[in-house]
């Protein structure tokens, strides 16, 4: 048996996976990994990419470039033009990113499902009781990006971004073994809370990019703000950024999670939990 297969089998055991990826100095390891990912020595980068491909399903066939000066460059790689096409029409709300579909449903009594038998508070996630109350009856979905996926996220509809709130927090892993064990995980981790309106209907929806262990960092195309563990800037920022459906909004600098909340009146048409969705695929249809 190849050593890579053995390691993959070991990591697939939930208890071991949880301990190896969480019972470490998470913040310290995340800062450390951030520095390592920017190393630009060609031998180190070639070795790191070789190991990454050996121990995970890293597929770079769609990457715009096949040459990377650092691991970070590979994390935030862009794709060849036309690799992700967004379904047209204001009646279609698309997936903003490549992801594995997680928990989905309707906000009920201010709570969302994290994992089977475990819920968390929307007001804790948004860090605003008023915002949470305005989302009563909203539909939601959790989209989990793995470390090997395309890490950019795009406008799921024609929209205007109105507000950004940054919430300092922890960097728990966001994989299924951790979601089953850590209560209110998404409301504990570093995250950004983005409020936007759809152009045609003027309905308000929310996007919450959540950081995770190893590289807790995210960037945006509509702002110079670089959110990371050492960020000391303003945590409440008013915006007025208009984006067309499919335009890049930003990117994670490692795998993480994006939570979407949209108002009533939309019917789910996307993949089921556990299945993969690509940026641009339809998630909801206007009813």
C-alpha atoms as a PDB file:
ATOM      1  CA  UNK A   1       0.000   0.000   0.000  1.00  0.00           C
ATOM      2  CA  UNK A   2       1.314   3.445  -0.924  1.00  0.00           C
ATOM      3  CA  UNK A   3       2.174   5.623   2.055  1.00  0.00           C
ATOM      4  CA  UNK A   4      -0.144   8.336   0.692  1.00  0.00           C
ATOM      5  CA  UNK A   5      -3.076   5.890   0.673  1.00  0.00           C
ATOM      6  CA  UNK A   6      -2.293   4.844   4.240  1.00  0.00           C
ATOM      7  CA  UNK A   7      -2.210   8.462   5.430  1.00  0.00           C
ATOM      8  CA  UNK A   8      -5.476   9.196   3.607  1.00  0.00           C
ATOM      9  CA  UNK A   9      -7.122   6.225   5.313  1.00  0.00           C
ATOM     10  CA  UNK A  10      -5.887   7.368   8.718  1.00  0.00           C
ATOM     11  CA  UNK A  11      -7.138  10.915   8.160  1.00  0.00           C
ATOM     12  CA  UNK A  12     -10.527   9.567   7.057  1.00  0.00           C
ATOM     13  CA  UNK A  13     -11.074   8.272  10.593  1.00  0.00           C
ATOM     14  CA  UNK A  14     -13.125  11.041  12.167  1.00  0.00           C
ATOM     15  CA  UNK A  15     -11.702  11.012  15.687  1.00  0.00           C
ATOM     16  CA  UNK A  16      -8.103  11.039  14.479  1.00  0.00           C
ATOM     17  CA  UNK A  17      -8.869  13.708  11.876  1.00  0.00           C
ATOM     18  CA  UNK A  18     -10.467  15.900  14.531  1.00  0.00           C
ATOM     19  CA  UNK A  19      -7.529  15.629  16.924  1.00  0.00           C
ATOM     20  CA  UNK A  20      -4.860  16.161  14.277  1.00  0.00           C
ATOM     21  CA  UNK A  21      -6.519  19.262  12.821  1.00  0.00           C
ATOM     22  CA  UNK A  22      -7.922  20.886  15.949  1.00  0.00           C
ATOM     23  CA  UNK A  23      -6.030  19.832  19.079  1.00  0.00           C
ATOM     24  CA  UNK A  24      -3.058  21.891  18.020  1.00  0.00           C
ATOM     25  CA  UNK A  25      -2.204  25.545  18.740  1.00  0.00           C
ATOM     26  CA  UNK A  26      -4.616  26.585  15.957  1.00  0.00           C
ATOM     27  CA  UNK A  27      -3.831  30.279  15.776  1.00  0.00           C
ATOM     28  CA  UNK A  28      -0.072  29.699  16.002  1.00  0.00           C
ATOM     29  CA  UNK A  29      -0.145  27.026  13.296  1.00  0.00           C
ATOM     30  CA  UNK A  30      -2.322  29.246  11.117  1.00  0.00           C
ATOM     31  CA  UNK A  31       0.135  32.155  11.330  1.00  0.00           C
ATOM     32  CA  UNK A  32       3.009  29.735  10.695  1.00  0.00           C
ATOM     33  CA  UNK A  33       1.296  28.197   7.662  1.00  0.00           C
ATOM     34  CA  UNK A  34       0.593  31.645   6.266  1.00  0.00           C
ATOM     35  CA  UNK A  35       4.315  32.414   6.285  1.00  0.00           C
ATOM     36  CA  UNK A  36       5.285  29.020   4.846  1.00  0.00           C
ATOM     37  CA  UNK A  37       2.773  29.357   2.012  1.00  0.00           C
ATOM     38  CA  UNK A  38       4.587  32.497   0.795  1.00  0.00           C
ATOM     39  CA  UNK A  39       8.035  30.870   0.577  1.00  0.00           C
ATOM     40  CA  UNK A  40       9.294  31.379  -2.988  1.00  0.00           C
ATOM     41  CA  UNK A  41      12.110  28.850  -3.213  1.00  0.00           C
ATOM     42  CA  UNK A  42      11.538  26.739  -6.379  1.00  0.00           C
ATOM     43  CA  UNK A  43      12.732  23.449  -4.858  1.00  0.00           C
ATOM     44  CA  UNK A  44      10.515  23.901  -1.797  1.00  0.00           C
ATOM     45  CA  UNK A  45       7.496  24.781  -3.975  1.00  0.00           C
ATOM     46  CA  UNK A  46       7.983  21.778  -6.289  1.00  0.00           C
ATOM     47  CA  UNK A  47       8.306  19.415  -3.322  1.00  0.00           C
ATOM     48  CA  UNK A  48       5.293  20.905  -1.547  1.00  0.00           C
ATOM     49  CA  UNK A  49       3.105  20.653  -4.649  1.00  0.00           C
ATOM     50  CA  UNK A  50       4.242  17.067  -5.227  1.00  0.00           C
ATOM     51  CA  UNK A  51       3.268  16.108  -1.673  1.00  0.00           C
ATOM     52  CA  UNK A  52      -0.016  18.007  -1.912  1.00  0.00           C
ATOM     53  CA  UNK A  53      -0.975  16.069  -5.048  1.00  0.00           C
ATOM     54  CA  UNK A  54       0.094  12.768  -3.443  1.00  0.00           C
ATOM     55  CA  UNK A  55      -2.047  13.199  -0.338  1.00  0.00           C
ATOM     56  CA  UNK A  56      -5.087  14.996  -1.759  1.00  0.00           C
ATOM     57  CA  UNK A  57      -7.157  15.213  -4.990  1.00  0.00           C
ATOM     58  CA  UNK A  58      -5.491  18.410  -6.179  1.00  0.00           C
ATOM     59  CA  UNK A  59      -6.431  18.992  -9.831  1.00  0.00           C
ATOM     60  CA  UNK A  60      -4.750  21.888 -11.639  1.00  0.00           C
ATOM     61  CA  UNK A  61      -5.984  21.146 -15.165  1.00  0.00           C
ATOM     62  CA  UNK A  62      -8.318  24.173 -15.125  1.00  0.00           C
ATOM     63  CA  UNK A  63      -5.717  26.547 -13.679  1.00  0.00           C
ATOM     64  CA  UNK A  64      -4.846  29.548 -15.826  1.00  0.00           C
ATOM     65  CA  UNK A  65      -1.168  28.976 -15.064  1.00  0.00           C
ATOM     66  CA  UNK A  66       0.668  25.746 -14.356  1.00  0.00           C
ATOM     67  CA  UNK A  67       3.634  27.547 -12.836  1.00  0.00           C
ATOM     68  CA  UNK A  68       3.500  28.736  -9.220  1.00  0.00           C
ATOM     69  CA  UNK A  69       6.126  30.728  -7.353  1.00  0.00           C
ATOM     70  CA  UNK A  70       4.696  29.757  -3.950  1.00  0.00           C
ATOM     71  CA  UNK A  71       2.084  27.503  -2.396  1.00  0.00           C
ATOM     72  CA  UNK A  72       0.021  30.623  -1.813  1.00  0.00           C
ATOM     73  CA  UNK A  73      -0.039  31.241  -5.575  1.00  0.00           C
ATOM     74  CA  UNK A  74      -1.506  27.762  -6.012  1.00  0.00           C
ATOM     75  CA  UNK A  75      -4.094  28.320  -3.246  1.00  0.00           C
ATOM     76  CA  UNK A  76      -5.392  31.488  -4.933  1.00  0.00           C
ATOM     77  CA  UNK A  77      -4.979  30.358  -8.540  1.00  0.00           C
ATOM     78  CA  UNK A  78      -7.371  31.668 -11.139  1.00  0.00           C
ATOM     79  CA  UNK A  79      -9.007  29.448 -13.731  1.00  0.00           C
ATOM     80  CA  UNK A  80      -8.887  29.492 -17.515  1.00  0.00           C
ATOM     81  CA  UNK A  81     -11.480  31.878 -19.040  1.00  0.00           C
ATOM     82  CA  UNK A  82     -14.835  30.161 -19.460  1.00  0.00           C
ATOM     83  CA  UNK A  83     -14.187  27.530 -16.795  1.00  0.00           C
ATOM     84  CA  UNK A  84     -17.130  28.764 -14.698  1.00  0.00           C
ATOM     85  CA  UNK A  85     -20.252  30.023 -16.466  1.00  0.00           C
ATOM     86  CA  UNK A  86     -23.047  31.601 -14.427  1.00  0.00           C
ATOM     87  CA  UNK A  87     -26.670  30.817 -15.248  1.00  0.00           C
ATOM     88  CA  UNK A  88     -28.215  34.033 -16.520  1.00  0.00           C
ATOM     89  CA  UNK A  89     -31.385  35.692 -15.260  1.00  0.00           C
ATOM     90  CA  UNK A  90     -32.426  37.519 -12.087  1.00  0.00           C
ATOM     91  CA  UNK A  91     -34.775  34.635 -11.297  1.00  0.00           C
ATOM     92  CA  UNK A  92     -31.745  32.371 -10.735  1.00  0.00           C
ATOM     93  CA  UNK A  93     -29.529  32.702  -7.654  1.00  0.00           C
ATOM     94  CA  UNK A  94     -26.227  30.972  -8.359  1.00  0.00           C
ATOM     95  CA  UNK A  95     -23.526  29.392  -6.261  1.00  0.00           C
ATOM     96  CA  UNK A  96     -20.780  31.965  -5.652  1.00  0.00           C
ATOM     97  CA  UNK A  97     -18.058  29.317  -5.397  1.00  0.00           C
ATOM     98  CA  UNK A  98     -16.989  25.729  -5.884  1.00  0.00           C
ATOM     99  CA  UNK A  99     -17.973  23.853  -2.746  1.00  0.00           C
ATOM    100  CA  UNK A 100     -19.461  20.841  -1.060  1.00  0.00           C
ATOM    101  CA  UNK A 101     -23.060  21.546  -0.067  1.00  0.00           C
ATOM    102  CA  UNK A 102     -23.516  21.346   3.697  1.00  0.00           C
ATOM    103  CA  UNK A 103     -26.526  22.051   5.901  1.00  0.00           C
ATOM    104  CA  UNK A 104     -29.406  23.935   4.288  1.00  0.00           C
ATOM    105  CA  UNK A 105     -32.939  24.885   5.246  1.00  0.00           C
ATOM    106  CA  UNK A 106     -34.980  27.753   6.643  1.00  0.00           C
ATOM    107  CA  UNK A 107     -34.024  29.977   9.567  1.00  0.00           C
ATOM    108  CA  UNK A 108     -36.319  28.857  12.386  1.00  0.00           C
ATOM    109  CA  UNK A 109     -36.597  30.761  15.679  1.00  0.00           C
ATOM    110  CA  UNK A 110     -33.303  32.456  14.909  1.00  0.00           C
ATOM    111  CA  UNK A 111     -31.385  29.210  14.463  1.00  0.00           C
ATOM    112  CA  UNK A 112     -29.586  27.404  11.640  1.00  0.00           C
ATOM    113  CA  UNK A 113     -28.519  23.778  11.368  1.00  0.00           C
ATOM    114  CA  UNK A 114     -24.786  23.156  11.689  1.00  0.00           C
ATOM    115  CA  UNK A 115     -24.822  19.368  11.654  1.00  0.00           C
ATOM    116  CA  UNK A 116     -27.374  16.685  12.467  1.00  0.00           C
ATOM    117  CA  UNK A 117     -28.801  17.405  15.913  1.00  0.00           C
ATOM    118  CA  UNK A 118     -26.748  20.606  16.353  1.00  0.00           C
ATOM    119  CA  UNK A 119     -27.929  24.171  15.719  1.00  0.00           C
ATOM    120  CA  UNK A 120     -26.429  27.623  16.206  1.00  0.00           C
ATOM    121  CA  UNK A 121     -27.709  31.173  16.621  1.00  0.00           C
ATOM    122  CA  UNK A 122     -28.040  33.486  13.634  1.00  0.00           C
ATOM    123  CA  UNK A 123     -27.547  36.538  15.848  1.00  0.00           C
ATOM    124  CA  UNK A 124     -24.258  35.036  17.043  1.00  0.00           C
ATOM    125  CA  UNK A 125     -23.195  34.392  13.448  1.00  0.00           C
ATOM    126  CA  UNK A 126     -24.066  37.896  12.222  1.00  0.00           C
ATOM    127  CA  UNK A 127     -23.087  39.550  15.509  1.00  0.00           C
ATOM    128  CA  UNK A 128     -26.302  41.575  15.387  1.00  0.00           C
ATOM    129  CA  UNK A 129     -29.671  40.811  16.953  1.00  0.00           C
ATOM    130  CA  UNK A 130     -31.384  43.356  14.687  1.00  0.00           C
ATOM    131  CA  UNK A 131     -29.921  41.833  11.513  1.00  0.00           C
ATOM    132  CA  UNK A 132     -30.845  38.341  12.689  1.00  0.00           C
ATOM    133  CA  UNK A 133     -34.458  39.356  13.359  1.00  0.00           C
ATOM    134  CA  UNK A 134     -34.701  40.758   9.835  1.00  0.00           C
ATOM    135  CA  UNK A 135     -33.754  37.308   8.492  1.00  0.00           C
ATOM    136  CA  UNK A 136     -36.653  35.411  10.046  1.00  0.00           C
ATOM    137  CA  UNK A 137     -37.859  32.843   7.511  1.00  0.00           C
ATOM    138  CA  UNK A 138     -34.802  33.252   5.266  1.00  0.00           C
ATOM    139  CA  UNK A 139     -33.422  30.274   3.366  1.00  0.00           C
ATOM    140  CA  UNK A 140     -29.797  29.342   3.989  1.00  0.00           C
ATOM    141  CA  UNK A 141     -27.096  27.009   2.762  1.00  0.00           C
ATOM    142  CA  UNK A 142     -23.587  26.212   3.971  1.00  0.00           C
ATOM    143  CA  UNK A 143     -20.957  25.850   1.240  1.00  0.00           C
ATOM    144  CA  UNK A 144     -17.664  24.241   2.296  1.00  0.00           C
ATOM    145  CA  UNK A 145     -14.534  24.773   0.207  1.00  0.00           C
ATOM    146  CA  UNK A 146     -11.840  22.142   0.604  1.00  0.00           C
ATOM    147  CA  UNK A 147      -8.145  23.053   0.454  1.00  0.00           C
ATOM    148  CA  UNK A 148      -7.773  21.733  -3.116  1.00  0.00           C
ATOM    149  CA  UNK A 149     -10.695  23.662  -4.608  1.00  0.00           C
ATOM    150  CA  UNK A 150     -10.804  26.913  -6.551  1.00  0.00           C
ATOM    151  CA  UNK A 151     -10.823  29.497  -3.728  1.00  0.00           C
ATOM    152  CA  UNK A 152     -12.410  32.533  -5.401  1.00  0.00           C
ATOM    153  CA  UNK A 153     -16.032  33.511  -4.848  1.00  0.00           C
ATOM    154  CA  UNK A 154     -18.228  35.489  -7.226  1.00  0.00           C
ATOM    155  CA  UNK A 155     -21.409  37.539  -7.212  1.00  0.00           C
ATOM    156  CA  UNK A 156     -24.320  35.039  -7.165  1.00  0.00           C
ATOM    157  CA  UNK A 157     -26.664  37.677  -8.621  1.00  0.00           C
ATOM    158  CA  UNK A 158     -26.514  41.241  -9.888  1.00  0.00           C
ATOM    159  CA  UNK A 159     -26.006  43.023  -6.583  1.00  0.00           C
ATOM    160  CA  UNK A 160     -24.963  46.051  -4.606  1.00  0.00           C
ATOM    161  CA  UNK A 161     -22.826  45.440  -1.524  1.00  0.00           C
ATOM    162  CA  UNK A 162     -23.862  47.696   1.330  1.00  0.00           C
ATOM    163  CA  UNK A 163     -22.006  46.700   4.459  1.00  0.00           C
ATOM    164  CA  UNK A 164     -19.115  44.595   5.723  1.00  0.00           C
ATOM    165  CA  UNK A 165     -18.700  43.506   9.329  1.00  0.00           C
ATOM    166  CA  UNK A 166     -15.524  41.712  10.417  1.00  0.00           C
ATOM    167  CA  UNK A 167     -15.745  39.400  13.410  1.00  0.00           C
ATOM    168  CA  UNK A 168     -12.556  38.309  15.166  1.00  0.00           C
ATOM    169  CA  UNK A 169     -12.595  34.716  16.343  1.00  0.00           C
ATOM    170  CA  UNK A 170     -11.023  31.278  16.407  1.00  0.00           C
ATOM    171  CA  UNK A 171      -9.811  29.138  13.494  1.00  0.00           C
ATOM    172  CA  UNK A 172     -11.391  25.734  14.055  1.00  0.00           C
ATOM    173  CA  UNK A 173     -11.319  23.344  11.126  1.00  0.00           C
ATOM    174  CA  UNK A 174     -14.670  23.439   9.291  1.00  0.00           C
ATOM    175  CA  UNK A 175     -14.727  19.805   8.130  1.00  0.00           C
ATOM    176  CA  UNK A 176     -17.559  17.369   9.053  1.00  0.00           C
ATOM    177  CA  UNK A 177     -15.758  15.718  12.027  1.00  0.00           C
ATOM    178  CA  UNK A 178     -15.310  19.122  13.657  1.00  0.00           C
ATOM    179  CA  UNK A 179     -18.832  20.327  12.835  1.00  0.00           C
ATOM    180  CA  UNK A 180     -20.198  17.315  14.718  1.00  0.00           C
ATOM    181  CA  UNK A 181     -18.154  18.080  17.835  1.00  0.00           C
ATOM    182  CA  UNK A 182     -17.824  21.866  18.261  1.00  0.00           C
ATOM    183  CA  UNK A 183     -21.033  23.694  19.130  1.00  0.00           C
ATOM    184  CA  UNK A 184     -21.698  26.938  17.201  1.00  0.00           C
ATOM    185  CA  UNK A 185     -18.460  26.553  15.247  1.00  0.00           C
ATOM    186  CA  UNK A 186     -19.316  29.085  12.521  1.00  0.00           C
ATOM    187  CA  UNK A 187     -20.199  31.658  15.179  1.00  0.00           C
ATOM    188  CA  UNK A 188     -16.814  31.067  16.844  1.00  0.00           C
ATOM    189  CA  UNK A 189     -14.480  31.392  13.838  1.00  0.00           C
ATOM    190  CA  UNK A 190     -13.055  34.489  12.150  1.00  0.00           C
ATOM    191  CA  UNK A 191     -15.533  35.702   9.540  1.00  0.00           C
ATOM    192  CA  UNK A 192     -16.850  38.534   7.424  1.00  0.00           C
ATOM    193  CA  UNK A 193     -20.552  39.390   7.285  1.00  0.00           C
ATOM    194  CA  UNK A 194     -21.561  40.928   3.943  1.00  0.00           C
ATOM    195  CA  UNK A 195     -24.970  42.533   3.388  1.00  0.00           C
ATOM    196  CA  UNK A 196     -26.119  43.048  -0.202  1.00  0.00           C
ATOM    197  CA  UNK A 197     -29.241  43.775  -2.250  1.00  0.00           C
ATOM    198  CA  UNK A 198     -30.270  42.150  -5.511  1.00  0.00           C
ATOM    199  CA  UNK A 199     -30.595  44.706  -8.282  1.00  0.00           C
ATOM    200  CA  UNK A 200     -33.975  43.801  -9.764  1.00  0.00           C
ATOM    201  CA  UNK A 201     -35.967  42.852  -6.662  1.00  0.00           C
ATOM    202  CA  UNK A 202     -34.074  45.028  -4.156  1.00  0.00           C
ATOM    203  CA  UNK A 203     -34.228  42.113  -1.721  1.00  0.00           C
ATOM    204  CA  UNK A 204     -31.549  41.935   0.952  1.00  0.00           C
ATOM    205  CA  UNK A 205     -29.375  38.842   1.290  1.00  0.00           C
ATOM    206  CA  UNK A 206     -26.275  37.919   3.263  1.00  0.00           C
ATOM    207  CA  UNK A 207     -22.977  36.217   2.533  1.00  0.00           C
ATOM    208  CA  UNK A 208     -20.797  35.104   5.426  1.00  0.00           C
ATOM    209  CA  UNK A 209     -17.291  33.907   4.439  1.00  0.00           C
ATOM    210  CA  UNK A 210     -15.889  31.970   7.409  1.00  0.00           C
ATOM    211  CA  UNK A 211     -12.139  31.443   7.883  1.00  0.00           C
ATOM    212  CA  UNK A 212     -10.602  28.186   9.105  1.00  0.00           C
ATOM    213  CA  UNK A 213      -7.411  26.632  10.426  1.00  0.00           C
ATOM    214  CA  UNK A 214      -4.044  27.045   8.599  1.00  0.00           C
ATOM    215  CA  UNK A 215      -4.644  30.146   6.440  1.00  0.00           C
ATOM    216  CA  UNK A 216      -7.355  32.350   7.991  1.00  0.00           C
ATOM    217  CA  UNK A 217      -7.222  35.108   5.416  1.00  0.00           C
ATOM    218  CA  UNK A 218      -9.594  36.560   2.841  1.00  0.00           C
ATOM    219  CA  UNK A 219      -9.392  39.329   0.260  1.00  0.00           C
ATOM    220  CA  UNK A 220     -12.032  41.273  -1.665  1.00  0.00           C
ATOM    221  CA  UNK A 221     -12.106  42.835  -5.126  1.00  0.00           C
ATOM    222  CA  UNK A 222     -14.352  45.703  -4.002  1.00  0.00           C
ATOM    223  CA  UNK A 223     -12.167  46.854  -1.094  1.00  0.00           C
ATOM    224  CA  UNK A 224      -8.494  47.143  -0.154  1.00  0.00           C
ATOM    225  CA  UNK A 225      -9.252  45.534   3.214  1.00  0.00           C
ATOM    226  CA  UNK A 226      -7.211  42.374   3.827  1.00  0.00           C
ATOM    227  CA  UNK A 227      -8.880  40.382   6.595  1.00  0.00           C
ATOM    228  CA  UNK A 228      -6.557  38.089   8.545  1.00  0.00           C
ATOM    229  CA  UNK A 229      -5.681  37.130  12.127  1.00  0.00           C
ATOM    230  CA  UNK A 230      -3.546  40.222  12.631  1.00  0.00           C
ATOM    231  CA  UNK A 231      -6.084  42.654  11.174  1.00  0.00           C
ATOM    232  CA  UNK A 232      -6.449  45.777  13.329  1.00  0.00           C
ATOM    233  CA  UNK A 233      -8.602  47.967  11.081  1.00  0.00           C
ATOM    234  CA  UNK A 234     -12.279  48.927  11.293  1.00  0.00           C
ATOM    235  CA  UNK A 235     -14.722  46.097  11.867  1.00  0.00           C
ATOM    236  CA  UNK A 236     -17.769  47.921  10.443  1.00  0.00           C
ATOM    237  CA  UNK A 237     -17.440  49.284   6.888  1.00  0.00           C
ATOM    238  CA  UNK A 238     -20.192  50.848   4.780  1.00  0.00           C
ATOM    239  CA  UNK A 239     -19.967  49.924   1.109  1.00  0.00           C
ATOM    240  CA  UNK A 240     -21.511  50.940  -2.187  1.00  0.00           C
ATOM    241  CA  UNK A 241     -20.104  48.418  -4.648  1.00  0.00           C
ATOM    242  CA  UNK A 242     -22.142  47.240  -7.613  1.00  0.00           C
ATOM    243  CA  UNK A 243     -21.272  43.854  -9.153  1.00  0.00           C
ATOM    244  CA  UNK A 244     -22.733  41.906 -12.031  1.00  0.00           C
ATOM    245  CA  UNK A 245     -23.545  38.241 -11.651  1.00  0.00           C
ATOM    246  CA  UNK A 246     -20.385  36.173 -12.003  1.00  0.00           C
ATOM    247  CA  UNK A 247     -17.945  39.002 -11.203  1.00  0.00           C
ATOM    248  CA  UNK A 248     -15.251  38.023  -8.724  1.00  0.00           C
ATOM    249  CA  UNK A 249     -15.980  39.267  -5.220  1.00  0.00           C
ATOM    250  CA  UNK A 250     -12.924  37.925  -3.453  1.00  0.00           C
ATOM    251  CA  UNK A 251     -11.026  34.846  -2.424  1.00  0.00           C
ATOM    252  CA  UNK A 252      -9.997  32.715   0.507  1.00  0.00           C
ATOM    253  CA  UNK A 253      -6.319  32.016   0.952  1.00  0.00           C
ATOM    254  CA  UNK A 254      -7.117  28.446   1.969  1.00  0.00           C
ATOM    255  CA  UNK A 255     -10.181  26.211   2.022  1.00  0.00           C
ATOM    256  CA  UNK A 256     -13.046  27.481   4.168  1.00  0.00           C
ATOM    257  CA  UNK A 257     -16.826  28.007   4.239  1.00  0.00           C
ATOM    258  CA  UNK A 258     -19.351  30.454   2.850  1.00  0.00           C
ATOM    259  CA  UNK A 259     -22.867  30.729   4.311  1.00  0.00           C
ATOM    260  CA  UNK A 260     -25.651  32.243   2.182  1.00  0.00           C
ATOM    261  CA  UNK A 261     -28.947  33.646   3.475  1.00  0.00           C
ATOM    262  CA  UNK A 262     -31.652  34.732   1.025  1.00  0.00           C
ATOM    263  CA  UNK A 263     -35.228  35.935   1.644  1.00  0.00           C
ATOM    264  CA  UNK A 264     -38.400  33.834   1.333  1.00  0.00           C
ATOM    265  CA  UNK A 265     -39.836  33.256  -2.127  1.00  0.00           C
ATOM    266  CA  UNK A 266     -36.998  31.146  -3.548  1.00  0.00           C
ATOM    267  CA  UNK A 267     -37.054  27.383  -4.231  1.00  0.00           C
ATOM    268  CA  UNK A 268     -33.951  25.250  -3.866  1.00  0.00           C
ATOM    269  CA  UNK A 269     -32.804  23.636  -7.128  1.00  0.00           C
ATOM    270  CA  UNK A 270     -29.159  22.930  -6.320  1.00  0.00           C
ATOM    271  CA  UNK A 271     -27.323  19.755  -5.336  1.00  0.00           C
ATOM    272  CA  UNK A 272     -28.153  17.943  -2.114  1.00  0.00           C
ATOM    273  CA  UNK A 273     -25.976  18.021   1.035  1.00  0.00           C
ATOM    274  CA  UNK A 274     -22.733  16.135   0.516  1.00  0.00           C
ATOM    275  CA  UNK A 275     -22.691  16.795  -3.216  1.00  0.00           C
ATOM    276  CA  UNK A 276     -20.369  19.194  -5.036  1.00  0.00           C
ATOM    277  CA  UNK A 277     -21.481  22.414  -6.667  1.00  0.00           C
ATOM    278  CA  UNK A 278     -19.471  24.648  -9.006  1.00  0.00           C
ATOM    279  CA  UNK A 279     -19.466  28.430  -9.090  1.00  0.00           C
ATOM    280  CA  UNK A 280     -22.219  29.567 -11.450  1.00  0.00           C
ATOM    281  CA  UNK A 281     -24.568  26.618 -10.961  1.00  0.00           C
ATOM    282  CA  UNK A 282     -28.136  27.450  -9.940  1.00  0.00           C
ATOM    283  CA  UNK A 283     -28.941  27.114  -6.221  1.00  0.00           C
ATOM    284  CA  UNK A 284     -32.376  28.780  -5.962  1.00  0.00           C
ATOM    285  CA  UNK A 285     -35.119  29.770  -8.401  1.00  0.00           C
ATOM    286  CA  UNK A 286     -37.461  32.686  -7.781  1.00  0.00           C
ATOM    287  CA  UNK A 287     -41.029  31.498  -7.183  1.00  0.00           C
END
